[in-house]
C-alpha cells in the first residue's frame, strides 16, 4: 500500500500565499506522476497542477502564473506553492501520486485525504 501525507493547508488572506506538501510512503518502487486537485463545495474535483517523472508540468488556467508545482524525487514529495491567492481558490486540495509498487511492479494511483484551503479576509 501507498500512503500520502498532506500538509500546509489553512487560512490565507486574498493575495496571500500557502505551500502545500504531500509525502508518499509505503510500497513504492518508482513514482511517475504527481499532482494536485481541488474540490470546492458543491463542485466537482478539478485539476490544479501536475508534474511528470521528467519534470514536465501542467497547470489549470486558473493556476497559471500564480501556482508552482515541484517535486523532490528522493523524498517522494510533491509541493504546491500558491501565491496571489483568490477567494475562489477556497477548496479541499488533494494530492494524487501514481507509480509502481516494489516487488510485483504493479501500477498504483493513490489519493491523499485532502487539506482545506480557505482564502478569506
N, C-alpha and C. Protein backbone atom coordinates (compact mmCIF):
# COMPACT_ATOMS: atom_id res chain seq x y z
N UNK A 1 0.83 -1.20 0.00
CA UNK A 1 0.00 0.00 0.00
C UNK A 1 0.86 1.25 0.00
N UNK A 2 0.27 2.33 -0.49
CA UNK A 2 0.96 3.62 -0.54
C UNK A 2 0.15 4.61 0.28
N UNK A 3 0.83 5.32 1.16
CA UNK A 3 0.18 6.33 1.97
C UNK A 3 0.67 7.71 1.55
N UNK A 4 -0.25 8.65 1.58
CA UNK A 4 0.07 10.03 1.26
C UNK A 4 -0.24 10.91 2.46
N UNK A 5 0.70 11.72 2.85
CA UNK A 5 0.51 12.62 3.99
C UNK A 5 0.58 14.06 3.48
N UNK A 6 -0.55 14.74 3.53
CA UNK A 6 -0.63 16.12 3.08
C UNK A 6 -0.51 17.08 4.25
N UNK A 7 0.03 18.25 3.97
CA UNK A 7 0.12 19.29 4.99
C UNK A 7 0.20 20.65 4.32
N UNK A 8 0.00 21.69 5.10
CA UNK A 8 0.20 23.04 4.60
C UNK A 8 -1.05 23.83 4.32
N UNK A 9 -2.21 23.22 4.43
CA UNK A 9 -3.43 23.97 4.20
C UNK A 9 -3.71 24.92 5.35
N UNK A 10 -4.75 25.73 5.20
CA UNK A 10 -5.12 26.65 6.26
C UNK A 10 -5.84 27.86 5.71
N UNK A 11 -5.80 28.92 6.49
CA UNK A 11 -6.48 30.16 6.14
C UNK A 11 -5.46 31.17 5.62
N UNK A 12 -5.79 31.79 4.51
CA UNK A 12 -4.94 32.82 3.95
C UNK A 12 -5.81 33.98 3.50
N UNK A 13 -5.26 35.15 3.53
CA UNK A 13 -5.98 36.33 3.04
C UNK A 13 -5.85 36.41 1.53
N UNK A 14 -6.79 37.04 0.86
CA UNK A 14 -6.64 37.27 -0.58
C UNK A 14 -5.32 37.96 -0.86
N UNK A 15 -4.61 37.44 -1.85
CA UNK A 15 -3.30 37.96 -2.17
C UNK A 15 -2.17 37.28 -1.42
N UNK A 16 -2.52 36.45 -0.46
CA UNK A 16 -1.53 35.76 0.34
C UNK A 16 -1.01 34.50 -0.30
N UNK A 17 -0.21 33.77 0.46
CA UNK A 17 0.44 32.56 -0.06
C UNK A 17 0.28 31.40 0.91
N UNK A 18 0.28 30.21 0.35
CA UNK A 18 0.34 28.96 1.11
C UNK A 18 1.18 27.97 0.33
N UNK A 19 1.80 27.05 1.04
CA UNK A 19 2.59 26.00 0.41
C UNK A 19 2.09 24.65 0.90
N UNK A 20 1.61 23.85 -0.01
CA UNK A 20 1.13 22.51 0.32
C UNK A 20 2.23 21.49 0.07
N UNK A 21 2.24 20.46 0.90
CA UNK A 21 3.19 19.35 0.74
C UNK A 21 2.43 18.04 0.77
N UNK A 22 2.95 17.06 0.05
CA UNK A 22 2.37 15.72 0.04
C UNK A 22 3.50 14.72 -0.06
N UNK A 23 3.68 13.95 1.00
CA UNK A 23 4.76 12.96 1.05
C UNK A 23 4.19 11.56 0.88
N UNK A 24 4.76 10.81 -0.05
CA UNK A 24 4.33 9.44 -0.30
C UNK A 24 5.25 8.47 0.39
N UNK A 25 4.67 7.41 0.94
CA UNK A 25 5.47 6.38 1.60
C UNK A 25 4.79 5.04 1.43
N UNK A 26 5.56 3.97 1.68
CA UNK A 26 5.00 2.64 1.59
C UNK A 26 5.69 1.82 0.52
N UNK A 27 4.92 0.95 -0.09
CA UNK A 27 5.43 0.00 -1.07
C UNK A 27 5.60 0.68 -2.43
N UNK A 28 6.69 1.43 -2.58
CA UNK A 28 6.92 2.21 -3.79
C UNK A 28 8.24 1.82 -4.44
N UNK A 29 8.17 1.45 -5.71
CA UNK A 29 9.39 1.22 -6.49
C UNK A 29 9.78 2.48 -7.24
N UNK A 30 8.78 3.09 -7.86
CA UNK A 30 9.03 4.33 -8.59
C UNK A 30 7.76 5.16 -8.63
N UNK A 31 7.94 6.45 -8.81
CA UNK A 31 6.80 7.37 -8.94
C UNK A 31 6.85 8.01 -10.32
N UNK A 32 5.76 7.95 -11.04
CA UNK A 32 5.69 8.57 -12.35
C UNK A 32 5.08 9.96 -12.23
N UNK A 33 3.80 10.03 -12.02
CA UNK A 33 3.16 11.33 -11.98
C UNK A 33 2.77 11.71 -10.57
N UNK A 34 2.74 13.01 -10.33
CA UNK A 34 2.28 13.58 -9.07
C UNK A 34 1.45 14.81 -9.41
N UNK A 35 0.43 15.08 -8.63
CA UNK A 35 -0.40 16.22 -8.96
C UNK A 35 -1.25 16.70 -7.80
N UNK A 36 -1.87 17.83 -8.03
CA UNK A 36 -2.79 18.43 -7.07
C UNK A 36 -4.13 18.70 -7.76
N UNK A 37 -5.19 18.40 -7.05
CA UNK A 37 -6.54 18.67 -7.49
C UNK A 37 -7.25 19.39 -6.35
N UNK A 38 -8.39 19.98 -6.67
CA UNK A 38 -9.16 20.63 -5.61
C UNK A 38 -10.65 20.45 -5.86
N UNK A 39 -11.39 20.51 -4.76
CA UNK A 39 -12.84 20.38 -4.84
C UNK A 39 -13.48 21.40 -3.92
N UNK A 40 -14.21 22.32 -4.53
CA UNK A 40 -14.94 23.32 -3.77
C UNK A 40 -16.33 22.78 -3.43
N UNK A 41 -16.97 23.31 -2.40
CA UNK A 41 -18.30 22.83 -2.01
C UNK A 41 -19.27 22.89 -3.19
N UNK A 42 -19.94 21.77 -3.43
CA UNK A 42 -20.94 21.72 -4.48
C UNK A 42 -20.39 21.62 -5.89
N UNK A 43 -19.08 21.47 -6.00
CA UNK A 43 -18.46 21.39 -7.33
C UNK A 43 -17.68 20.10 -7.48
N UNK A 44 -17.37 19.76 -8.73
CA UNK A 44 -16.60 18.57 -9.00
C UNK A 44 -15.12 18.82 -8.73
N UNK A 45 -14.40 17.74 -8.46
CA UNK A 45 -12.96 17.83 -8.29
C UNK A 45 -12.33 18.26 -9.61
N UNK A 46 -11.38 19.18 -9.54
CA UNK A 46 -10.76 19.69 -10.75
C UNK A 46 -9.23 19.70 -10.62
N UNK A 47 -8.58 19.61 -11.75
CA UNK A 47 -7.13 19.65 -11.81
C UNK A 47 -6.62 21.03 -11.41
N UNK A 48 -5.55 21.05 -10.64
CA UNK A 48 -4.83 22.28 -10.36
C UNK A 48 -3.49 22.27 -11.10
N UNK A 49 -2.70 21.23 -10.85
CA UNK A 49 -1.39 21.13 -11.49
C UNK A 49 -0.87 19.71 -11.39
N UNK A 50 -0.08 19.31 -12.38
CA UNK A 50 0.58 18.01 -12.35
C UNK A 50 2.03 18.16 -12.73
N UNK A 51 2.83 17.17 -12.32
CA UNK A 51 4.24 17.14 -12.70
C UNK A 51 4.61 15.70 -12.99
N UNK A 52 5.26 15.49 -14.13
CA UNK A 52 5.60 14.14 -14.56
C UNK A 52 6.99 13.75 -14.05
N UNK A 53 7.36 12.51 -14.35
CA UNK A 53 8.63 11.98 -13.88
C UNK A 53 9.81 12.79 -14.39
N UNK A 54 9.68 13.34 -15.60
CA UNK A 54 10.80 14.11 -16.15
C UNK A 54 10.72 15.60 -15.81
N UNK A 55 9.74 15.94 -14.96
CA UNK A 55 9.62 17.33 -14.51
C UNK A 55 8.70 18.19 -15.34
N UNK A 56 8.07 17.62 -16.35
CA UNK A 56 7.13 18.39 -17.15
C UNK A 56 5.92 18.75 -16.31
N UNK A 57 5.55 20.03 -16.34
CA UNK A 57 4.42 20.49 -15.53
C UNK A 57 3.24 20.88 -16.40
N UNK A 58 2.07 20.81 -15.78
CA UNK A 58 0.83 21.18 -16.45
C UNK A 58 -0.04 21.89 -15.42
N UNK A 59 -0.62 23.02 -15.82
CA UNK A 59 -1.42 23.82 -14.89
C UNK A 59 -2.80 24.10 -15.46
N UNK A 60 -3.78 24.16 -14.57
CA UNK A 60 -5.07 24.68 -14.95
C UNK A 60 -4.91 26.17 -15.26
N UNK A 61 -5.75 26.68 -16.11
CA UNK A 61 -5.65 28.10 -16.45
C UNK A 61 -5.73 28.99 -15.21
N UNK A 62 -6.53 28.58 -14.25
CA UNK A 62 -6.71 29.38 -13.04
C UNK A 62 -5.45 29.42 -12.18
N UNK A 63 -4.53 28.48 -12.41
CA UNK A 63 -3.32 28.38 -11.60
C UNK A 63 -2.09 28.97 -12.29
N UNK A 64 -2.18 29.13 -13.58
CA UNK A 64 -1.01 29.61 -14.33
C UNK A 64 -0.56 30.99 -13.85
N UNK A 65 0.74 31.11 -13.64
CA UNK A 65 1.31 32.39 -13.22
C UNK A 65 1.23 32.66 -11.74
N UNK A 66 0.45 31.87 -11.01
CA UNK A 66 0.32 32.10 -9.57
C UNK A 66 0.75 30.91 -8.74
N UNK A 67 0.58 29.71 -9.25
CA UNK A 67 0.94 28.48 -8.53
C UNK A 67 2.17 27.83 -9.17
N UNK A 68 2.93 27.12 -8.36
CA UNK A 68 4.08 26.39 -8.88
C UNK A 68 4.14 25.01 -8.23
N UNK A 69 4.14 23.99 -9.06
CA UNK A 69 4.26 22.63 -8.56
C UNK A 69 5.71 22.17 -8.70
N UNK A 70 6.18 21.44 -7.73
CA UNK A 70 7.54 20.90 -7.78
C UNK A 70 7.56 19.56 -7.05
N UNK A 71 8.63 18.81 -7.26
CA UNK A 71 8.73 17.51 -6.60
C UNK A 71 10.16 17.27 -6.12
N UNK A 72 10.27 16.55 -5.03
CA UNK A 72 11.55 16.08 -4.51
C UNK A 72 11.52 14.57 -4.69
N UNK A 73 12.18 14.10 -5.73
CA UNK A 73 12.13 12.68 -6.06
C UNK A 73 12.70 11.83 -4.94
N UNK A 74 13.79 12.26 -4.34
CA UNK A 74 14.43 11.48 -3.28
C UNK A 74 13.51 11.31 -2.08
N UNK A 75 12.71 12.33 -1.81
CA UNK A 75 11.81 12.29 -0.65
C UNK A 75 10.40 11.87 -1.04
N UNK A 76 10.16 11.59 -2.31
CA UNK A 76 8.82 11.19 -2.79
C UNK A 76 7.77 12.21 -2.35
N UNK A 77 8.10 13.46 -2.52
CA UNK A 77 7.23 14.53 -2.06
C UNK A 77 6.92 15.50 -3.20
N UNK A 78 5.68 15.94 -3.22
CA UNK A 78 5.27 16.95 -4.19
C UNK A 78 4.79 18.18 -3.43
N UNK A 79 5.10 19.34 -3.98
CA UNK A 79 4.76 20.60 -3.35
C UNK A 79 3.88 21.43 -4.29
N UNK A 80 3.09 22.30 -3.69
CA UNK A 80 2.33 23.27 -4.47
C UNK A 80 2.47 24.62 -3.77
N UNK A 81 3.24 25.51 -4.39
CA UNK A 81 3.37 26.87 -3.88
C UNK A 81 2.26 27.70 -4.51
N UNK A 82 1.43 28.28 -3.67
CA UNK A 82 0.30 29.05 -4.14
C UNK A 82 0.47 30.50 -3.71
N UNK A 83 0.60 31.38 -4.67
CA UNK A 83 0.74 32.81 -4.42
C UNK A 83 -0.46 33.56 -4.99
N UNK A 84 -0.61 34.80 -4.57
CA UNK A 84 -1.71 35.64 -5.06
C UNK A 84 -3.04 34.90 -4.97
N UNK A 85 -3.29 34.32 -3.82
CA UNK A 85 -4.49 33.52 -3.64
C UNK A 85 -5.76 34.36 -3.78
N UNK A 86 -6.79 33.73 -4.30
CA UNK A 86 -8.08 34.38 -4.50
C UNK A 86 -9.16 33.64 -3.71
N UNK A 87 -10.22 34.31 -3.32
CA UNK A 87 -11.30 33.64 -2.57
C UNK A 87 -11.87 32.43 -3.30
N UNK A 88 -11.89 32.46 -4.62
CA UNK A 88 -12.42 31.33 -5.37
C UNK A 88 -11.49 30.11 -5.32
N UNK A 89 -10.34 30.28 -4.73
CA UNK A 89 -9.44 29.16 -4.52
C UNK A 89 -9.77 28.36 -3.27
N UNK A 90 -10.77 28.78 -2.54
CA UNK A 90 -11.19 28.05 -1.35
C UNK A 90 -11.73 26.69 -1.75
N UNK A 91 -11.11 25.64 -1.20
CA UNK A 91 -11.48 24.27 -1.58
C UNK A 91 -10.67 23.30 -0.72
N UNK A 92 -11.03 22.04 -0.83
CA UNK A 92 -10.18 20.98 -0.29
C UNK A 92 -9.22 20.57 -1.40
N UNK A 93 -7.95 20.57 -1.08
CA UNK A 93 -6.91 20.23 -2.06
C UNK A 93 -6.42 18.81 -1.80
N UNK A 94 -6.38 18.03 -2.87
CA UNK A 94 -5.98 16.63 -2.79
C UNK A 94 -4.72 16.41 -3.62
N UNK A 95 -3.80 15.62 -3.11
CA UNK A 95 -2.67 15.22 -3.95
C UNK A 95 -2.95 13.84 -4.53
N UNK A 96 -2.35 13.59 -5.67
CA UNK A 96 -2.51 12.35 -6.41
C UNK A 96 -1.12 11.89 -6.84
N UNK A 97 -0.81 10.66 -6.54
CA UNK A 97 0.51 10.12 -6.87
C UNK A 97 0.32 8.77 -7.56
N UNK A 98 1.04 8.57 -8.65
CA UNK A 98 0.98 7.30 -9.37
C UNK A 98 2.36 6.77 -9.66
N UNK A 99 2.48 5.46 -9.69
CA UNK A 99 3.77 4.85 -9.96
C UNK A 99 3.67 3.35 -9.95
N UNK A 100 4.76 2.69 -9.52
CA UNK A 100 4.81 1.24 -9.47
C UNK A 100 5.22 0.76 -8.08
N UNK A 101 4.60 -0.33 -7.66
CA UNK A 101 4.94 -0.95 -6.38
C UNK A 101 6.28 -1.66 -6.46
N UNK A 102 6.93 -1.81 -5.33
CA UNK A 102 8.09 -2.69 -5.23
C UNK A 102 7.61 -4.13 -5.29
N UNK A 103 8.52 -5.01 -5.70
CA UNK A 103 8.18 -6.44 -5.71
C UNK A 103 7.49 -6.86 -7.00
N UNK A 104 6.19 -6.64 -7.09
CA UNK A 104 5.46 -7.09 -8.27
C UNK A 104 5.40 -6.04 -9.38
N UNK A 105 5.89 -4.83 -9.08
CA UNK A 105 5.93 -3.72 -10.06
C UNK A 105 4.55 -3.40 -10.61
N UNK A 106 3.53 -3.71 -9.83
CA UNK A 106 2.19 -3.33 -10.24
C UNK A 106 2.01 -1.82 -10.17
N UNK A 107 1.12 -1.29 -11.01
CA UNK A 107 0.89 0.14 -11.04
C UNK A 107 -0.10 0.55 -9.95
N UNK A 108 0.07 1.74 -9.43
CA UNK A 108 -0.84 2.26 -8.43
C UNK A 108 -1.12 3.72 -8.69
N UNK A 109 -2.27 4.16 -8.19
CA UNK A 109 -2.62 5.57 -8.08
C UNK A 109 -3.24 5.77 -6.71
N UNK A 110 -2.71 6.69 -5.96
CA UNK A 110 -3.21 6.95 -4.62
C UNK A 110 -3.60 8.41 -4.45
N UNK A 111 -4.59 8.63 -3.62
CA UNK A 111 -5.06 9.98 -3.31
C UNK A 111 -4.83 10.30 -1.84
N UNK A 112 -4.47 11.54 -1.57
CA UNK A 112 -4.38 11.99 -0.20
C UNK A 112 -5.75 12.22 0.40
N UNK A 113 -5.76 12.50 1.70
CA UNK A 113 -7.03 12.67 2.39
C UNK A 113 -7.61 14.06 2.19
N UNK A 114 -6.82 14.96 1.65
CA UNK A 114 -7.29 16.31 1.40
C UNK A 114 -6.90 17.27 2.51
N UNK A 115 -6.61 18.50 2.12
CA UNK A 115 -6.29 19.54 3.09
C UNK A 115 -7.08 20.79 2.72
N UNK A 116 -7.71 21.39 3.71
CA UNK A 116 -8.58 22.54 3.47
C UNK A 116 -7.76 23.80 3.26
N UNK A 117 -8.08 24.52 2.21
CA UNK A 117 -7.52 25.84 1.95
C UNK A 117 -8.68 26.83 1.92
N UNK A 118 -8.60 27.83 2.76
CA UNK A 118 -9.63 28.87 2.81
C UNK A 118 -8.99 30.22 2.57
N UNK A 119 -9.51 30.92 1.59
CA UNK A 119 -8.98 32.24 1.25
C UNK A 119 -10.07 33.27 1.57
N UNK A 120 -9.81 34.03 2.59
CA UNK A 120 -10.82 34.97 3.06
C UNK A 120 -10.18 36.07 3.87
N UNK A 121 -10.77 37.25 3.81
CA UNK A 121 -10.29 38.36 4.63
C UNK A 121 -11.06 38.42 5.95
